[in-house]
All heavy atoms as atom14 arrays in JSON, in Angstrom:
{
  "sequence": "RSRVRRSSVPSLEDESVEVWDPRESFYDRALRLFQRLLCC",
  "atom14_mask": [
    [1, 1, 1, 1, 1, 1, 1, 1, 1, 1, 1, 0, 0, 0],
    [1, 1, 1, 1, 1, 1, 0, 0, 0, 0, 0, 0, 0, 0],
    [1, 1, 1, 1, 1, 1, 1, 1, 1, 1, 1, 0, 0, 0],
    [1, 1, 1, 1, 1, 1, 1, 0, 0, 0, 0, 0, 0, 0],
    [1, 1, 1, 1, 1, 1, 1, 1, 1, 1, 1, 0, 0, 0],
    [1, 1, 1, 1, 1, 1, 1, 1, 1, 1, 1, 0, 0, 0],
    [1, 1, 1, 1, 1, 1, 0, 0, 0, 0, 0, 0, 0, 0],
    [1, 1, 1, 1, 1, 1, 0, 0, 0, 0, 0, 0, 0, 0],
    [1, 1, 1, 1, 1, 1, 1, 0, 0, 0, 0, 0, 0, 0],
    [1, 1, 1, 1, 1, 1, 1, 0, 0, 0, 0, 0, 0, 0],
    [1, 1, 1, 1, 1, 1, 0, 0, 0, 0, 0, 0, 0, 0],
    [1, 1, 1, 1, 1, 1, 1, 1, 0, 0, 0, 0, 0, 0],
    [1, 1, 1, 1, 1, 1, 1, 1, 1, 0, 0, 0, 0, 0],
    [1, 1, 1, 1, 1, 1, 1, 1, 0, 0, 0, 0, 0, 0],
    [1, 1, 1, 1, 1, 1, 1, 1, 1, 0, 0, 0, 0, 0],
    [1, 1, 1, 1, 1, 1, 0, 0, 0, 0, 0, 0, 0, 0],
    [1, 1, 1, 1, 1, 1, 1, 0, 0, 0, 0, 0, 0, 0],
    [1, 1, 1, 1, 1, 1, 1, 1, 1, 0, 0, 0, 0, 0],
    [1, 1, 1, 1, 1, 1, 1, 0, 0, 0, 0, 0, 0, 0],
    [1, 1, 1, 1, 1, 1, 1, 1, 1, 1, 1, 1, 1, 1],
    [1, 1, 1, 1, 1, 1, 1, 1, 0, 0, 0, 0, 0, 0],
    [1, 1, 1, 1, 1, 1, 1, 0, 0, 0, 0, 0, 0, 0],
    [1, 1, 1, 1, 1, 1, 1, 1, 1, 1, 1, 0, 0, 0],
    [1, 1, 1, 1, 1, 1, 1, 1, 1, 0, 0, 0, 0, 0],
    [1, 1, 1, 1, 1, 1, 0, 0, 0, 0, 0, 0, 0, 0],
    [1, 1, 1, 1, 1, 1, 1, 1, 1, 1, 1, 0, 0, 0],
    [1, 1, 1, 1, 1, 1, 1, 1, 1, 1, 1, 1, 0, 0],
    [1, 1, 1, 1, 1, 1, 1, 1, 0, 0, 0, 0, 0, 0],
    [1, 1, 1, 1, 1, 1, 1, 1, 1, 1, 1, 0, 0, 0],
    [1, 1, 1, 1, 1, 0, 0, 0, 0, 0, 0, 0, 0, 0],
    [1, 1, 1, 1, 1, 1, 1, 1, 0, 0, 0, 0, 0, 0],
    [1, 1, 1, 1, 1, 1, 1, 1, 1, 1, 1, 0, 0, 0],
    [1, 1, 1, 1, 1, 1, 1, 1, 0, 0, 0, 0, 0, 0],
    [1, 1, 1, 1, 1, 1, 1, 1, 1, 1, 1, 0, 0, 0],
    [1, 1, 1, 1, 1, 1, 1, 1, 1, 0, 0, 0, 0, 0],
    [1, 1, 1, 1, 1, 1, 1, 1, 1, 1, 1, 0, 0, 0],
    [1, 1, 1, 1, 1, 1, 1, 1, 0, 0, 0, 0, 0, 0],
    [1, 1, 1, 1, 1, 1, 1, 1, 0, 0, 0, 0, 0, 0],
    [1, 1, 1, 1, 1, 1, 0, 0, 0, 0, 0, 0, 0, 0],
    [1, 1, 1, 1, 1, 1, 0, 0, 0, 0, 0, 0, 0, 0]
  ],
  "atom14_positions": [
    [[140.07, 189.03, 232.67], [138.76, 189.01, 232.0], [138.6, 187.74, 231.16], [137.55, 187.11, 231.17], [138.59, 190.23, 231.1], [138.35, 191.51, 231.85], [137.98, 192.66, 230.92], [137.87, 193.89, 231.66], [136.88, 194.2, 232.48], [135.93, 193.33, 232.68], [136.84, 195.34, 233.12], [0.0, 0.0, 0.0], [0.0, 0.0, 0.0], [0.0, 0.0, 0.0]],
    [[139.64, 187.4, 230.46], [139.6, 186.21, 229.62], [139.41, 184.96, 230.47], [138.65, 184.06, 230.11], [140.9, 186.13, 228.83], [140.94, 184.97, 228.07], [0.0, 0.0, 0.0], [0.0, 0.0, 0.0], [0.0, 0.0, 0.0], [0.0, 0.0, 0.0], [0.0, 0.0, 0.0], [0.0, 0.0, 0.0], [0.0, 0.0, 0.0], [0.0, 0.0, 0.0]],
    [[140.09, 184.88, 231.61], [139.94, 183.74, 232.52], [138.51, 183.61, 233.02], [137.98, 182.51, 233.15], [140.87, 183.88, 233.72], [142.3, 183.68, 233.38], [142.64, 182.23, 233.48], [143.95, 182.02, 232.88], [144.51, 180.86, 232.78], [143.9, 179.79, 233.22], [145.68, 180.74, 232.22], [0.0, 0.0, 0.0], [0.0, 0.0, 0.0], [0.0, 0.0, 0.0]],
    [[137.9, 184.74, 233.32], [136.51, 184.71, 233.8], [135.58, 184.26, 232.69], [134.71, 183.42, 232.89], [136.08, 186.09, 234.35], [134.59, 186.14, 234.61], [136.85, 186.41, 235.63], [0.0, 0.0, 0.0], [0.0, 0.0, 0.0], [0.0, 0.0, 0.0], [0.0, 0.0, 0.0], [0.0, 0.0, 0.0], [0.0, 0.0, 0.0], [0.0, 0.0, 0.0]],
    [[135.8, 184.79, 231.49], [134.9, 184.47, 230.37], [135.05, 183.03, 229.89], [134.07, 182.4, 229.51], [135.16, 185.42, 229.21], [134.65, 186.8, 229.51], [134.67, 187.67, 228.27], [134.26, 189.0, 228.61], [135.04, 190.07, 228.47], [136.25, 189.96, 227.97], [134.6, 191.25, 228.82], [0.0, 0.0, 0.0], [0.0, 0.0, 0.0], [0.0, 0.0, 0.0]],
    [[136.28, 182.52, 229.86], [136.47, 181.17, 229.34], [136.86, 180.2, 230.45], [137.65, 179.29, 230.26], [137.5, 181.16, 228.21], [138.87, 181.62, 228.6], [139.83, 181.56, 227.41], [141.06, 182.25, 227.7], [142.07, 181.76, 228.39], [142.0, 180.56, 228.88], [143.15, 182.47, 228.61], [0.0, 0.0, 0.0], [0.0, 0.0, 0.0], [0.0, 0.0, 0.0]],
    [[136.25, 180.38, 231.59], [136.52, 179.51, 232.73], [136.14, 178.07, 232.41], [135.2, 177.8, 231.67], [135.71, 180.01, 233.93], [135.8, 179.09, 234.99], [0.0, 0.0, 0.0], [0.0, 0.0, 0.0], [0.0, 0.0, 0.0], [0.0, 0.0, 0.0], [0.0, 0.0, 0.0], [0.0, 0.0, 0.0], [0.0, 0.0, 0.0], [0.0, 0.0, 0.0]],
    [[136.9, 177.16, 232.99], [136.6, 175.73, 232.8], [135.4, 175.32, 233.64], [134.87, 174.22, 233.48], [137.82, 174.89, 233.17], [138.15, 175.1, 234.53], [0.0, 0.0, 0.0], [0.0, 0.0, 0.0], [0.0, 0.0, 0.0], [0.0, 0.0, 0.0], [0.0, 0.0, 0.0], [0.0, 0.0, 0.0], [0.0, 0.0, 0.0], [0.0, 0.0, 0.0]],
    [[134.98, 176.21, 234.53], [133.8, 175.93, 235.36], [132.55, 176.09, 234.51], [132.42, 177.07, 233.76], [133.76, 176.9, 236.56], [132.49, 176.74, 237.36], [134.98, 176.7, 237.44], [0.0, 0.0, 0.0], [0.0, 0.0, 0.0], [0.0, 0.0, 0.0], [0.0, 0.0, 0.0], [0.0, 0.0, 0.0], [0.0, 0.0, 0.0], [0.0, 0.0, 0.0]],
    [[131.63, 175.15, 234.59], [130.4, 175.28, 233.79], [129.64, 176.56, 234.16], [129.52, 176.89, 235.34], [129.59, 174.05, 234.16], [130.5, 173.14, 234.88], [131.65, 173.95, 235.4], [0.0, 0.0, 0.0], [0.0, 0.0, 0.0], [0.0, 0.0, 0.0], [0.0, 0.0, 0.0], [0.0, 0.0, 0.0], [0.0, 0.0, 0.0], [0.0, 0.0, 0.0]],
    [[129.17, 177.24, 233.16], [128.35, 178.43, 233.41], [126.88, 178.03, 233.29], [126.56, 176.88, 233.0], [128.69, 179.52, 232.4], [128.25, 179.15, 231.12], [0.0, 0.0, 0.0], [0.0, 0.0, 0.0], [0.0, 0.0, 0.0], [0.0, 0.0, 0.0], [0.0, 0.0, 0.0], [0.0, 0.0, 0.0], [0.0, 0.0, 0.0], [0.0, 0.0, 0.0]],
    [[126.04, 179.0, 233.46], [124.6, 178.73, 233.32], [124.28, 178.22, 231.93], [123.41, 177.39, 231.75], [123.8, 180.0, 233.6], [123.73, 180.45, 235.06], [123.03, 181.79, 235.14], [123.04, 179.42, 235.91], [0.0, 0.0, 0.0], [0.0, 0.0, 0.0], [0.0, 0.0, 0.0], [0.0, 0.0, 0.0], [0.0, 0.0, 0.0], [0.0, 0.0, 0.0]],
    [[125.01, 178.71, 230.96], [124.77, 178.32, 229.57], [125.09, 176.84, 229.35], [124.45, 176.17, 228.56], [125.65, 179.19, 228.67], [125.32, 179.09, 227.22], [126.1, 180.12, 226.43], [127.19, 180.55, 226.86], [125.6, 180.5, 225.36], [0.0, 0.0, 0.0], [0.0, 0.0, 0.0], [0.0, 0.0, 0.0], [0.0, 0.0, 0.0], [0.0, 0.0, 0.0]],
    [[126.08, 176.34, 230.09], [126.51, 174.96, 229.92], [125.62, 173.97, 230.65], [125.59, 172.8, 230.3], [127.94, 174.78, 230.45], [128.92, 175.68, 229.72], [128.7, 175.94, 228.53], [129.89, 176.12, 230.36], [0.0, 0.0, 0.0], [0.0, 0.0, 0.0], [0.0, 0.0, 0.0], [0.0, 0.0, 0.0], [0.0, 0.0, 0.0], [0.0, 0.0, 0.0]],
    [[124.94, 174.45, 231.68], [124.11, 173.55, 232.46], [122.84, 173.18, 231.71], [122.33, 173.96, 230.92], [123.73, 174.21, 233.8], [124.88, 174.35, 234.74], [124.44, 174.85, 236.09], [123.23, 175.04, 236.31], [125.31, 175.03, 236.95], [0.0, 0.0, 0.0], [0.0, 0.0, 0.0], [0.0, 0.0, 0.0], [0.0, 0.0, 0.0], [0.0, 0.0, 0.0]],
    [[122.36, 172.01, 232.0], [121.11, 171.62, 231.37], [119.99, 172.49, 231.94], [119.96, 172.79, 233.12], [120.81, 170.14, 231.65], [120.69, 169.92, 233.04], [0.0, 0.0, 0.0], [0.0, 0.0, 0.0], [0.0, 0.0, 0.0], [0.0, 0.0, 0.0], [0.0, 0.0, 0.0], [0.0, 0.0, 0.0], [0.0, 0.0, 0.0], [0.0, 0.0, 0.0]],
    [[119.11, 172.89, 231.07], [118.01, 173.76, 231.48], [116.98, 172.92, 232.23], [116.57, 171.87, 231.77], [117.38, 174.44, 230.25], [116.22, 175.31, 230.65], [118.43, 175.21, 229.48], [0.0, 0.0, 0.0], [0.0, 0.0, 0.0], [0.0, 0.0, 0.0], [0.0, 0.0, 0.0], [0.0, 0.0, 0.0], [0.0, 0.0, 0.0], [0.0, 0.0, 0.0]],
    [[116.65, 173.42, 233.41], [115.67, 172.7, 234.21], [114.28, 172.85, 233.6], [113.99, 173.78, 232.87], [115.67, 173.26, 235.64], [117.01, 173.07, 236.33], [117.04, 173.74, 237.7], [115.97, 174.16, 238.2], [118.13, 173.86, 238.25], [0.0, 0.0, 0.0], [0.0, 0.0, 0.0], [0.0, 0.0, 0.0], [0.0, 0.0, 0.0], [0.0, 0.0, 0.0]],
    [[113.45, 171.92, 233.94], [112.07, 171.96, 233.44], [111.38, 173.17, 234.04], [111.44, 173.42, 235.25], [111.32, 170.66, 233.82], [109.88, 170.74, 233.4], [112.02, 169.46, 233.21], [0.0, 0.0, 0.0], [0.0, 0.0, 0.0], [0.0, 0.0, 0.0], [0.0, 0.0, 0.0], [0.0, 0.0, 0.0], [0.0, 0.0, 0.0], [0.0, 0.0, 0.0]],
    [[110.76, 173.92, 233.19], [110.08, 175.14, 233.61], [108.63, 174.82, 233.9], [107.9, 174.34, 233.03], [110.2, 176.17, 232.49], [109.75, 177.54, 232.86], [110.28, 178.35, 233.81], [108.7, 178.28, 232.25], [109.64, 179.54, 233.84], [108.65, 179.53, 232.88], [107.8, 178.02, 231.23], [107.74, 180.5, 232.55], [106.89, 179.01, 230.9], [106.86, 180.22, 231.55]],
    [[108.23, 175.04, 235.13], [106.87, 174.74, 235.55], [106.08, 176.05, 235.6], [106.36, 176.92, 236.43], [106.89, 174.08, 236.94], [105.51, 173.66, 237.42], [104.52, 173.91, 236.69], [105.43, 173.1, 238.51], [0.0, 0.0, 0.0], [0.0, 0.0, 0.0], [0.0, 0.0, 0.0], [0.0, 0.0, 0.0], [0.0, 0.0, 0.0], [0.0, 0.0, 0.0]],
    [[105.1, 176.23, 234.71], [104.35, 177.48, 234.68], [103.56, 177.72, 235.97], [103.18, 178.85, 236.26], [103.41, 177.34, 233.49], [103.61, 175.99, 232.93], [104.7, 175.31, 233.67], [0.0, 0.0, 0.0], [0.0, 0.0, 0.0], [0.0, 0.0, 0.0], [0.0, 0.0, 0.0], [0.0, 0.0, 0.0], [0.0, 0.0, 0.0], [0.0, 0.0, 0.0]],
    [[103.34, 176.68, 236.76], [102.6, 176.85, 238.02], [103.5, 177.38, 239.13], [103.01, 177.85, 240.15], [101.99, 175.52, 238.47], [100.93, 175.0, 237.49], [100.51, 173.61, 237.87], [101.7, 172.76, 237.69], [101.83, 171.53, 238.13], [100.88, 170.96, 238.8], [102.93, 170.84, 237.91], [0.0, 0.0, 0.0], [0.0, 0.0, 0.0], [0.0, 0.0, 0.0]],
    [[104.81, 177.3, 238.92], [105.74, 177.78, 239.93], [105.64, 179.3, 240.03], [105.59, 180.0, 239.01], [107.16, 177.36, 239.52], [108.23, 177.75, 240.5], [109.61, 177.3, 240.04], [109.89, 177.31, 238.82], [110.42, 176.94, 240.9], [0.0, 0.0, 0.0], [0.0, 0.0, 0.0], [0.0, 0.0, 0.0], [0.0, 0.0, 0.0], [0.0, 0.0, 0.0]],
    [[105.61, 179.81, 241.24], [105.51, 181.26, 241.4], [106.8, 181.91, 240.9], [107.86, 181.29, 240.87], [105.28, 181.62, 242.87], [106.49, 181.51, 243.6], [0.0, 0.0, 0.0], [0.0, 0.0, 0.0], [0.0, 0.0, 0.0], [0.0, 0.0, 0.0], [0.0, 0.0, 0.0], [0.0, 0.0, 0.0], [0.0, 0.0, 0.0], [0.0, 0.0, 0.0]],
    [[106.66, 183.17, 240.52], [107.81, 183.9, 240.03], [108.91, 183.92, 241.08], [110.09, 183.73, 240.76], [107.43, 185.34, 239.65], [108.63, 186.19, 239.4], [109.33, 186.08, 238.21], [109.1, 187.08, 240.36], [110.46, 186.84, 237.98], [110.22, 187.84, 240.13], [110.9, 187.73, 238.94], [0.0, 0.0, 0.0], [0.0, 0.0, 0.0], [0.0, 0.0, 0.0]],
    [[108.57, 184.14, 242.32], [109.56, 184.26, 243.38], [110.27, 182.94, 243.65], [111.48, 182.91, 243.88], [108.92, 184.81, 244.66], [108.42, 186.22, 244.44], [107.06, 186.49, 244.3], [109.31, 187.28, 244.32], [106.61, 187.77, 244.07], [108.87, 188.57, 244.08], [107.52, 188.81, 243.95], [107.09, 190.08, 243.73], [0.0, 0.0, 0.0], [0.0, 0.0, 0.0]],
    [[109.55, 181.84, 243.57], [110.19, 180.53, 243.73], [111.15, 180.26, 242.57], [112.26, 179.78, 242.76], [109.15, 179.41, 243.81], [108.36, 179.41, 245.11], [108.87, 179.99, 246.11], [107.24, 178.86, 245.14], [0.0, 0.0, 0.0], [0.0, 0.0, 0.0], [0.0, 0.0, 0.0], [0.0, 0.0, 0.0], [0.0, 0.0, 0.0], [0.0, 0.0, 0.0]],
    [[110.7, 180.59, 241.37], [111.53, 180.4, 240.19], [112.75, 181.32, 240.24], [113.88, 180.89, 239.96], [110.72, 180.65, 238.92], [111.45, 180.28, 237.65], [110.56, 180.33, 236.43], [110.05, 181.64, 236.12], [108.79, 182.05, 236.3], [107.87, 181.22, 236.76], [108.42, 183.28, 236.0], [0.0, 0.0, 0.0], [0.0, 0.0, 0.0], [0.0, 0.0, 0.0]],
    [[112.53, 182.57, 240.63], [113.64, 183.52, 240.72], [114.66, 183.05, 241.76], [115.87, 183.1, 241.51], [113.12, 184.91, 241.07], [0.0, 0.0, 0.0], [0.0, 0.0, 0.0], [0.0, 0.0, 0.0], [0.0, 0.0, 0.0], [0.0, 0.0, 0.0], [0.0, 0.0, 0.0], [0.0, 0.0, 0.0], [0.0, 0.0, 0.0], [0.0, 0.0, 0.0]],
    [[114.18, 182.57, 242.88], [115.09, 182.07, 243.91], [115.91, 180.9, 243.38], [117.13, 180.84, 243.55], [114.3, 181.64, 245.16], [115.12, 181.03, 246.29], [116.16, 182.02, 246.8], [114.21, 180.57, 247.41], [0.0, 0.0, 0.0], [0.0, 0.0, 0.0], [0.0, 0.0, 0.0], [0.0, 0.0, 0.0], [0.0, 0.0, 0.0], [0.0, 0.0, 0.0]],
    [[115.26, 179.97, 242.71], [115.94, 178.81, 242.15], [116.99, 179.24, 241.11], [118.13, 178.77, 241.11], [114.92, 177.86, 241.52], [115.51, 176.6, 240.93], [114.44, 175.62, 240.47], [113.33, 176.19, 239.74], [113.37, 176.49, 238.43], [114.46, 176.28, 237.74], [112.31, 176.97, 237.82], [0.0, 0.0, 0.0], [0.0, 0.0, 0.0], [0.0, 0.0, 0.0]],
    [[116.6, 180.17, 240.24], [117.52, 180.65, 239.21], [118.72, 181.39, 239.81], [119.86, 181.2, 239.38], [116.79, 181.55, 238.22], [115.73, 180.87, 237.35], [114.96, 181.9, 236.54], [116.36, 179.84, 236.45], [0.0, 0.0, 0.0], [0.0, 0.0, 0.0], [0.0, 0.0, 0.0], [0.0, 0.0, 0.0], [0.0, 0.0, 0.0], [0.0, 0.0, 0.0]],
    [[118.46, 182.23, 240.81], [119.55, 182.97, 241.43], [120.47, 182.06, 242.22], [121.68, 182.29, 242.27], [119.02, 184.1, 242.31], [118.64, 185.32, 241.51], [117.32, 185.7, 241.4], [119.6, 186.06, 240.84], [116.96, 186.8, 240.64], [119.25, 187.15, 240.08], [117.94, 187.53, 239.98], [0.0, 0.0, 0.0], [0.0, 0.0, 0.0], [0.0, 0.0, 0.0]],
    [[119.94, 181.0, 242.8], [120.8, 180.04, 243.49], [121.74, 179.38, 242.49], [122.93, 179.2, 242.77], [119.96, 179.0, 244.24], [119.33, 179.55, 245.5], [118.36, 178.58, 246.15], [117.76, 177.74, 245.49], [118.18, 178.73, 247.46], [0.0, 0.0, 0.0], [0.0, 0.0, 0.0], [0.0, 0.0, 0.0], [0.0, 0.0, 0.0], [0.0, 0.0, 0.0]],
    [[121.21, 179.0, 241.32], [122.06, 178.43, 240.27], [123.11, 179.45, 239.81], [124.28, 179.11, 239.64], [121.22, 178.02, 239.06], [120.57, 176.68, 239.19], [119.77, 176.28, 237.96], [120.44, 176.53, 236.7], [119.83, 176.97, 235.6], [118.53, 177.2, 235.6], [120.5, 177.17, 234.49], [0.0, 0.0, 0.0], [0.0, 0.0, 0.0], [0.0, 0.0, 0.0]],
    [[122.66, 180.68, 239.62], [123.56, 181.73, 239.17], [124.69, 181.94, 240.19], [125.87, 181.98, 239.82], [122.8, 183.04, 238.95], [123.64, 184.29, 238.67], [124.4, 184.14, 237.36], [122.76, 185.52, 238.65], [0.0, 0.0, 0.0], [0.0, 0.0, 0.0], [0.0, 0.0, 0.0], [0.0, 0.0, 0.0], [0.0, 0.0, 0.0], [0.0, 0.0, 0.0]],
    [[124.34, 182.06, 241.45], [125.35, 182.29, 242.47], [126.31, 181.12, 242.6], [127.51, 181.32, 242.81], [124.67, 182.6, 243.81], [123.91, 183.92, 243.86], [123.19, 184.07, 245.18], [124.85, 185.1, 243.61], [0.0, 0.0, 0.0], [0.0, 0.0, 0.0], [0.0, 0.0, 0.0], [0.0, 0.0, 0.0], [0.0, 0.0, 0.0], [0.0, 0.0, 0.0]],
    [[125.8, 179.92, 242.46], [126.67, 178.73, 242.5], [127.66, 178.76, 241.35], [128.86, 178.51, 241.55], [125.8, 177.47, 242.45], [126.75, 175.96, 242.61], [0.0, 0.0, 0.0], [0.0, 0.0, 0.0], [0.0, 0.0, 0.0], [0.0, 0.0, 0.0], [0.0, 0.0, 0.0], [0.0, 0.0, 0.0], [0.0, 0.0, 0.0], [0.0, 0.0, 0.0]],
    [[127.21, 179.09, 240.16], [128.1, 179.19, 239.0], [129.14, 180.29, 239.19], [130.33, 180.09, 238.92], [127.31, 179.46, 237.72], [126.38, 178.03, 237.13], [0.0, 0.0, 0.0], [0.0, 0.0, 0.0], [0.0, 0.0, 0.0], [0.0, 0.0, 0.0], [0.0, 0.0, 0.0], [0.0, 0.0, 0.0], [0.0, 0.0, 0.0], [0.0, 0.0, 0.0]]
  ]
}
């Protein structure tokens, strides 16, 4: 558990927050966010 929590791999929290475009549809934004999440 400790290894997972303090992994040297950058988490979503460590990554720079992408520019949020209010015109982007929820589903496009959700897909983009989940791709980042799954990669992390």
